[in-house]
N, C-alpha and C. Protein backbone atom coordinates (compact mmCIF):
# COMPACT_ATOMS: atom_id res chain seq x y z
N MET A 1 39.92 14.25 -13.61
CA MET A 1 39.35 13.68 -14.82
C MET A 1 38.81 12.29 -14.54
N LYS A 2 39.58 11.49 -13.78
CA LYS A 2 39.15 10.13 -13.48
C LYS A 2 37.84 10.13 -12.69
N LEU A 3 37.67 11.09 -11.80
CA LEU A 3 36.46 11.20 -11.00
C LEU A 3 35.25 11.48 -11.88
N SER A 4 35.38 12.32 -12.89
CA SER A 4 34.24 12.66 -13.74
C SER A 4 33.84 11.48 -14.62
N ILE A 5 34.76 10.64 -15.04
CA ILE A 5 34.43 9.44 -15.80
C ILE A 5 33.66 8.47 -14.91
N THR A 6 34.12 8.29 -13.69
CA THR A 6 33.42 7.42 -12.74
C THR A 6 32.03 7.96 -12.46
N ALA A 7 31.91 9.24 -12.26
CA ALA A 7 30.60 9.85 -12.02
C ALA A 7 29.68 9.66 -13.22
N ALA A 8 30.23 9.80 -14.43
CA ALA A 8 29.43 9.62 -15.64
C ALA A 8 28.93 8.18 -15.75
N ILE A 9 29.77 7.22 -15.41
CA ILE A 9 29.37 5.81 -15.46
C ILE A 9 28.28 5.53 -14.44
N ILE A 10 28.44 6.05 -13.24
CA ILE A 10 27.43 5.86 -12.20
C ILE A 10 26.11 6.50 -12.62
N CYS A 11 26.17 7.68 -13.19
CA CYS A 11 24.97 8.38 -13.65
C CYS A 11 24.28 7.58 -14.75
N ALA A 12 25.04 7.06 -15.70
CA ALA A 12 24.47 6.27 -16.79
C ALA A 12 23.80 5.00 -16.26
N MET A 13 24.44 4.35 -15.30
CA MET A 13 23.85 3.14 -14.72
C MET A 13 22.56 3.47 -13.99
N ALA A 14 22.54 4.59 -13.26
CA ALA A 14 21.32 5.00 -12.56
C ALA A 14 20.20 5.29 -13.55
N MET A 15 20.50 5.94 -14.65
CA MET A 15 19.49 6.24 -15.67
C MET A 15 18.94 4.95 -16.28
N LEU A 16 19.79 3.99 -16.56
CA LEU A 16 19.33 2.71 -17.10
C LEU A 16 18.40 2.01 -16.12
N PHE A 17 18.73 2.07 -14.84
CA PHE A 17 17.87 1.46 -13.82
C PHE A 17 16.51 2.13 -13.79
N LEU A 18 16.49 3.45 -13.83
CA LEU A 18 15.23 4.20 -13.76
C LEU A 18 14.37 3.99 -15.01
N LEU A 19 15.00 3.74 -16.13
CA LEU A 19 14.26 3.56 -17.38
C LEU A 19 13.88 2.11 -17.64
N SER A 20 14.32 1.20 -16.80
CA SER A 20 14.02 -0.21 -17.01
C SER A 20 12.52 -0.46 -16.86
N PRO A 21 11.97 -1.41 -17.64
CA PRO A 21 10.54 -1.67 -17.56
C PRO A 21 10.16 -2.30 -16.23
N GLY A 22 8.89 -2.17 -15.86
CA GLY A 22 8.38 -2.78 -14.64
C GLY A 22 8.31 -4.29 -14.78
N LEU A 23 7.84 -4.94 -13.74
CA LEU A 23 7.78 -6.40 -13.74
C LEU A 23 6.43 -6.93 -14.20
N ALA A 24 5.61 -6.11 -14.81
CA ALA A 24 4.28 -6.54 -15.25
C ALA A 24 4.41 -7.64 -16.30
N ARG A 25 3.45 -8.55 -16.26
CA ARG A 25 3.43 -9.65 -17.21
C ARG A 25 2.13 -9.58 -18.01
N ASP A 26 2.21 -9.86 -19.30
CA ASP A 26 1.01 -9.96 -20.12
C ASP A 26 1.09 -11.28 -20.85
N SER A 27 0.33 -12.24 -20.38
CA SER A 27 0.31 -13.57 -20.98
C SER A 27 -1.01 -13.80 -21.70
N GLY A 28 -1.60 -12.74 -22.22
CA GLY A 28 -2.88 -12.85 -22.89
C GLY A 28 -4.06 -12.72 -21.94
N GLN A 29 -3.80 -12.48 -20.66
CA GLN A 29 -4.87 -12.40 -19.68
C GLN A 29 -5.78 -11.20 -19.90
N TRP A 30 -5.33 -10.22 -20.69
CA TRP A 30 -6.13 -9.02 -20.93
C TRP A 30 -7.25 -9.27 -21.93
N GLU A 31 -7.16 -10.31 -22.71
CA GLU A 31 -8.09 -10.52 -23.82
C GLU A 31 -9.55 -10.55 -23.39
N GLY A 32 -9.89 -11.18 -22.27
CA GLY A 32 -11.28 -11.33 -21.87
C GLY A 32 -11.78 -10.24 -20.94
N SER A 33 -10.97 -9.25 -20.65
CA SER A 33 -11.39 -8.24 -19.66
C SER A 33 -12.01 -7.02 -20.35
N ASP A 34 -12.83 -6.32 -19.59
CA ASP A 34 -13.46 -5.09 -20.05
C ASP A 34 -12.36 -4.09 -20.40
N PRO A 35 -12.43 -3.46 -21.59
CA PRO A 35 -11.36 -2.53 -21.99
C PRO A 35 -11.14 -1.38 -21.01
N ALA A 36 -12.21 -0.85 -20.39
CA ALA A 36 -12.04 0.25 -19.43
C ALA A 36 -11.28 -0.22 -18.20
N ILE A 37 -11.59 -1.43 -17.74
CA ILE A 37 -10.87 -1.96 -16.57
C ILE A 37 -9.44 -2.30 -16.94
N ARG A 38 -9.23 -2.82 -18.14
CA ARG A 38 -7.87 -3.12 -18.61
C ARG A 38 -7.03 -1.85 -18.61
N LEU A 39 -7.58 -0.75 -19.14
CA LEU A 39 -6.85 0.52 -19.15
C LEU A 39 -6.58 1.02 -17.74
N TRP A 40 -7.54 0.81 -16.84
CA TRP A 40 -7.35 1.22 -15.45
C TRP A 40 -6.16 0.46 -14.84
N TYR A 41 -6.15 -0.87 -15.02
CA TYR A 41 -5.03 -1.66 -14.50
C TYR A 41 -3.71 -1.15 -15.06
N GLN A 42 -3.69 -0.90 -16.36
CA GLN A 42 -2.45 -0.50 -17.02
C GLN A 42 -2.00 0.90 -16.61
N SER A 43 -2.92 1.75 -16.15
CA SER A 43 -2.57 3.13 -15.83
C SER A 43 -2.12 3.32 -14.38
N LEU A 44 -2.33 2.34 -13.53
CA LEU A 44 -2.01 2.51 -12.11
C LEU A 44 -0.50 2.56 -11.88
N MET A 45 -0.10 3.52 -11.05
CA MET A 45 1.30 3.67 -10.69
C MET A 45 1.45 3.56 -9.18
N GLN A 46 2.60 3.08 -8.73
CA GLN A 46 2.84 2.92 -7.31
C GLN A 46 2.81 4.30 -6.64
N PRO A 47 2.04 4.44 -5.55
CA PRO A 47 1.91 5.76 -4.93
C PRO A 47 3.22 6.31 -4.38
N ASP A 48 4.13 5.45 -3.96
CA ASP A 48 5.40 5.91 -3.41
C ASP A 48 6.50 5.97 -4.46
N ASN A 49 6.19 5.54 -5.68
CA ASN A 49 7.15 5.54 -6.77
C ASN A 49 6.39 5.75 -8.07
N PRO A 50 5.93 6.98 -8.33
CA PRO A 50 5.02 7.24 -9.44
C PRO A 50 5.56 6.91 -10.83
N GLY A 51 6.82 6.61 -10.93
CA GLY A 51 7.39 6.19 -12.21
C GLY A 51 7.29 4.68 -12.44
N ARG A 52 6.78 3.95 -11.46
CA ARG A 52 6.70 2.48 -11.55
C ARG A 52 5.24 2.03 -11.53
N SER A 53 4.94 1.10 -12.39
CA SER A 53 3.60 0.55 -12.48
C SER A 53 3.25 -0.29 -11.25
N CYS A 54 1.97 -0.35 -10.95
CA CYS A 54 1.50 -1.29 -9.91
C CYS A 54 1.59 -2.71 -10.43
N CYS A 55 1.91 -2.87 -11.66
CA CYS A 55 1.94 -4.09 -12.43
C CYS A 55 0.58 -4.27 -13.07
N GLY A 56 0.12 -5.48 -13.24
CA GLY A 56 -1.11 -5.66 -14.00
C GLY A 56 -2.05 -6.65 -13.38
N GLU A 57 -2.99 -7.08 -14.18
CA GLU A 57 -4.02 -7.99 -13.70
C GLU A 57 -3.42 -9.31 -13.20
N SER A 58 -2.26 -9.69 -13.73
CA SER A 58 -1.63 -10.93 -13.30
C SER A 58 -0.97 -10.80 -11.93
N ASP A 59 -0.98 -9.61 -11.37
CA ASP A 59 -0.43 -9.36 -10.04
C ASP A 59 -1.51 -8.89 -9.07
N ALA A 60 -2.76 -8.84 -9.56
CA ALA A 60 -3.85 -8.25 -8.80
C ALA A 60 -4.73 -9.31 -8.16
N TYR A 61 -5.08 -9.06 -6.91
CA TYR A 61 -5.95 -9.96 -6.14
C TYR A 61 -7.01 -9.13 -5.45
N TRP A 62 -8.22 -9.65 -5.40
CA TRP A 62 -9.27 -8.99 -4.64
C TRP A 62 -9.00 -9.22 -3.16
N ALA A 63 -9.18 -8.19 -2.39
CA ALA A 63 -8.98 -8.25 -0.94
C ALA A 63 -10.11 -7.46 -0.28
N ASP A 64 -11.32 -7.95 -0.44
CA ASP A 64 -12.51 -7.21 0.00
C ASP A 64 -12.72 -7.22 1.51
N LYS A 65 -11.94 -8.01 2.22
CA LYS A 65 -11.97 -7.95 3.68
C LYS A 65 -10.72 -7.23 4.13
N VAL A 66 -10.89 -6.36 5.10
CA VAL A 66 -9.75 -5.59 5.60
C VAL A 66 -9.92 -5.42 7.10
N GLU A 67 -8.80 -5.46 7.78
CA GLU A 67 -8.78 -5.17 9.21
C GLU A 67 -7.87 -3.97 9.42
N VAL A 68 -8.27 -3.11 10.33
CA VAL A 68 -7.45 -1.95 10.67
C VAL A 68 -7.20 -2.01 12.16
N HIS A 69 -5.92 -2.03 12.51
CA HIS A 69 -5.49 -2.03 13.91
C HIS A 69 -4.60 -0.81 14.10
N GLY A 70 -5.18 0.26 14.67
CA GLY A 70 -4.42 1.51 14.78
C GLY A 70 -4.17 2.05 13.39
N ASP A 71 -2.91 2.21 13.03
CA ASP A 71 -2.59 2.68 11.68
C ASP A 71 -2.14 1.55 10.76
N GLN A 72 -2.33 0.31 11.19
CA GLN A 72 -1.93 -0.85 10.39
C GLN A 72 -3.14 -1.40 9.63
N VAL A 73 -2.98 -1.53 8.31
CA VAL A 73 -4.01 -2.10 7.44
C VAL A 73 -3.61 -3.52 7.09
N ILE A 74 -4.54 -4.45 7.29
CA ILE A 74 -4.29 -5.84 6.93
C ILE A 74 -5.32 -6.24 5.88
N ALA A 75 -4.83 -6.54 4.68
CA ALA A 75 -5.69 -6.98 3.59
C ALA A 75 -5.87 -8.49 3.70
N ILE A 76 -7.09 -8.94 3.47
CA ILE A 76 -7.38 -10.37 3.50
C ILE A 76 -7.85 -10.77 2.11
N ILE A 77 -7.13 -11.68 1.49
CA ILE A 77 -7.44 -12.11 0.12
C ILE A 77 -8.81 -12.78 0.10
N THR A 78 -9.67 -12.31 -0.83
CA THR A 78 -11.00 -12.88 -1.02
C THR A 78 -11.18 -13.38 -2.46
N ASP A 79 -10.13 -13.31 -3.25
CA ASP A 79 -10.19 -13.58 -4.68
C ASP A 79 -10.18 -15.09 -4.94
N ASP A 80 -11.32 -15.60 -5.41
CA ASP A 80 -11.39 -17.04 -5.70
C ASP A 80 -11.40 -17.32 -7.20
N ARG A 81 -11.02 -16.33 -8.01
CA ARG A 81 -10.93 -16.56 -9.46
C ARG A 81 -9.79 -17.55 -9.74
N PRO A 82 -9.93 -18.33 -10.80
CA PRO A 82 -8.83 -19.25 -11.15
C PRO A 82 -7.58 -18.46 -11.54
N ASP A 83 -6.43 -18.92 -11.07
CA ASP A 83 -5.17 -18.22 -11.30
C ASP A 83 -4.65 -18.41 -12.72
N GLY A 84 -4.86 -19.58 -13.30
CA GLY A 84 -4.32 -19.90 -14.62
C GLY A 84 -4.67 -18.89 -15.70
N PRO A 85 -5.95 -18.59 -15.91
CA PRO A 85 -6.29 -17.63 -16.96
C PRO A 85 -5.73 -16.24 -16.73
N LEU A 86 -5.46 -15.89 -15.48
CA LEU A 86 -4.90 -14.57 -15.17
C LEU A 86 -3.37 -14.59 -15.19
N GLY A 87 -2.77 -15.77 -15.30
CA GLY A 87 -1.31 -15.87 -15.36
C GLY A 87 -0.64 -15.46 -14.07
N ARG A 88 -1.26 -15.77 -12.96
CA ARG A 88 -0.70 -15.32 -11.67
C ARG A 88 -0.43 -16.51 -10.75
N MET A 89 0.39 -16.26 -9.75
CA MET A 89 0.67 -17.26 -8.74
C MET A 89 -0.56 -17.43 -7.85
N HIS A 90 -0.64 -18.53 -7.17
CA HIS A 90 -1.77 -18.79 -6.29
C HIS A 90 -1.52 -18.18 -4.92
N VAL A 91 -2.48 -17.41 -4.46
CA VAL A 91 -2.49 -16.89 -3.09
C VAL A 91 -3.83 -17.32 -2.51
N PRO A 92 -3.83 -18.19 -1.51
CA PRO A 92 -5.08 -18.74 -0.99
C PRO A 92 -6.01 -17.68 -0.40
N VAL A 93 -7.30 -17.89 -0.60
CA VAL A 93 -8.31 -17.06 0.04
C VAL A 93 -8.07 -17.12 1.54
N GLY A 94 -8.16 -15.97 2.19
CA GLY A 94 -7.94 -15.89 3.63
C GLY A 94 -6.53 -15.46 4.00
N THR A 95 -5.60 -15.44 3.02
CA THR A 95 -4.24 -14.99 3.30
C THR A 95 -4.29 -13.53 3.76
N ARG A 96 -3.59 -13.26 4.84
CA ARG A 96 -3.56 -11.92 5.45
C ARG A 96 -2.23 -11.26 5.10
N ILE A 97 -2.32 -10.02 4.63
CA ILE A 97 -1.13 -9.30 4.20
C ILE A 97 -1.13 -7.90 4.81
N VAL A 98 -0.06 -7.57 5.52
CA VAL A 98 0.07 -6.22 6.07
C VAL A 98 0.42 -5.28 4.92
N VAL A 99 -0.34 -4.20 4.80
CA VAL A 99 -0.15 -3.24 3.71
C VAL A 99 0.64 -2.04 4.24
N PRO A 100 1.83 -1.81 3.69
CA PRO A 100 2.57 -0.62 4.10
C PRO A 100 1.77 0.65 3.75
N PRO A 101 1.72 1.62 4.64
CA PRO A 101 0.93 2.83 4.39
C PRO A 101 1.27 3.54 3.08
N HIS A 102 2.54 3.49 2.68
CA HIS A 102 2.96 4.19 1.46
C HIS A 102 2.54 3.47 0.18
N LYS A 103 1.87 2.31 0.29
CA LYS A 103 1.41 1.57 -0.87
C LYS A 103 -0.10 1.71 -1.10
N ILE A 104 -0.77 2.47 -0.24
CA ILE A 104 -2.22 2.65 -0.34
C ILE A 104 -2.52 3.82 -1.27
N THR A 105 -3.43 3.58 -2.24
CA THR A 105 -3.81 4.63 -3.18
C THR A 105 -5.30 4.55 -3.48
N TRP A 106 -5.83 5.66 -3.90
CA TRP A 106 -7.24 5.73 -4.35
C TRP A 106 -7.40 6.84 -5.37
N LYS A 107 -6.32 7.41 -5.84
CA LYS A 107 -6.36 8.58 -6.72
C LYS A 107 -7.08 8.32 -8.05
N ARG A 108 -6.96 7.13 -8.60
CA ARG A 108 -7.49 6.86 -9.94
C ARG A 108 -8.87 6.22 -9.90
N GLY A 109 -9.54 6.22 -8.75
CA GLY A 109 -10.82 5.53 -8.65
C GLY A 109 -10.60 4.03 -8.69
N ASN A 110 -11.67 3.27 -8.79
CA ASN A 110 -11.55 1.82 -8.86
C ASN A 110 -12.83 1.26 -9.47
N PRO A 111 -12.80 0.93 -10.76
CA PRO A 111 -13.99 0.44 -11.44
C PRO A 111 -14.26 -1.05 -11.26
N THR A 112 -13.44 -1.77 -10.50
CA THR A 112 -13.57 -3.22 -10.41
C THR A 112 -14.69 -3.68 -9.49
N GLY A 113 -15.09 -2.82 -8.56
CA GLY A 113 -16.07 -3.24 -7.56
C GLY A 113 -15.43 -4.00 -6.41
N HIS A 114 -14.12 -4.04 -6.38
CA HIS A 114 -13.37 -4.77 -5.34
C HIS A 114 -12.21 -3.92 -4.85
N ILE A 115 -11.79 -4.17 -3.62
CA ILE A 115 -10.50 -3.65 -3.17
C ILE A 115 -9.46 -4.53 -3.87
N VAL A 116 -8.42 -3.93 -4.41
CA VAL A 116 -7.43 -4.68 -5.18
C VAL A 116 -6.05 -4.47 -4.57
N ILE A 117 -5.34 -5.59 -4.38
CA ILE A 117 -3.96 -5.53 -3.91
C ILE A 117 -3.08 -6.16 -4.98
N PHE A 118 -1.97 -5.51 -5.28
CA PHE A 118 -1.01 -5.99 -6.28
C PHE A 118 0.19 -6.56 -5.54
N LEU A 119 0.50 -7.82 -5.83
CA LEU A 119 1.53 -8.54 -5.09
C LEU A 119 2.63 -9.07 -5.99
N GLY A 120 3.86 -9.08 -5.47
CA GLY A 120 4.98 -9.71 -6.13
C GLY A 120 5.08 -11.17 -5.69
N TYR A 121 6.05 -11.89 -6.24
CA TYR A 121 6.21 -13.31 -5.95
C TYR A 121 6.41 -13.61 -4.47
N ASP A 122 7.03 -12.71 -3.76
CA ASP A 122 7.28 -12.93 -2.33
C ASP A 122 6.20 -12.25 -1.47
N LEU A 123 5.04 -11.98 -2.08
CA LEU A 123 3.91 -11.29 -1.45
C LEU A 123 4.25 -9.85 -1.09
N GLN A 124 5.26 -9.30 -1.76
CA GLN A 124 5.57 -7.88 -1.60
C GLN A 124 4.41 -7.08 -2.17
N VAL A 125 3.97 -6.06 -1.45
CA VAL A 125 2.85 -5.23 -1.89
C VAL A 125 3.37 -4.14 -2.82
N TYR A 126 2.86 -4.11 -4.06
CA TYR A 126 3.17 -3.03 -4.99
C TYR A 126 2.19 -1.88 -4.81
N CYS A 127 0.89 -2.21 -4.69
CA CYS A 127 -0.15 -1.21 -4.54
C CYS A 127 -1.34 -1.84 -3.83
N TYR A 128 -2.09 -1.00 -3.15
CA TYR A 128 -3.34 -1.40 -2.50
C TYR A 128 -4.35 -0.32 -2.87
N VAL A 129 -5.35 -0.71 -3.65
CA VAL A 129 -6.31 0.26 -4.17
C VAL A 129 -7.65 0.06 -3.48
N GLN A 130 -8.07 1.10 -2.79
CA GLN A 130 -9.34 1.07 -2.08
C GLN A 130 -10.48 0.84 -3.07
N GLY A 131 -11.58 0.34 -2.60
CA GLY A 131 -12.74 0.10 -3.45
C GLY A 131 -13.53 1.37 -3.66
N GLY A 132 -14.46 1.28 -4.61
CA GLY A 132 -15.39 2.38 -4.85
C GLY A 132 -14.87 3.41 -5.83
N GLY A 133 -15.80 4.11 -6.40
CA GLY A 133 -15.45 5.18 -7.34
C GLY A 133 -15.17 4.65 -8.72
N GLY A 134 -15.43 5.44 -9.70
CA GLY A 134 -15.15 5.08 -11.07
C GLY A 134 -13.80 5.64 -11.49
N VAL A 135 -13.50 5.52 -12.76
CA VAL A 135 -12.24 6.05 -13.27
C VAL A 135 -12.38 7.43 -13.70
């Protein structure tokens, strides 16, 4: 009996973790963006964790330069938009980020006209969306 109570508690904790919201932030940065692009940002899910969002525009950076060395993809930040209106941390143009293969996606198209990389505070890659294609 004691084992089943412990198992139930562990199961409940796991369910709470899985149902917890993503780390996306909305500080009003969506107000000036094209509604179709806003919906695209909001609909993106992590390719290796389809239940988790790529986050949002406040985590998105243009990375229109890319280097490929064997099977390693290196995204180079090209985004010179001001960070304040987007509510995001500053990542300098030219910053090079190794993209884990399991974070690369192109399933939902990309209406931005840019390669987009979604980054966490420690430059952790949430998603890397190839350029081209519509939604």
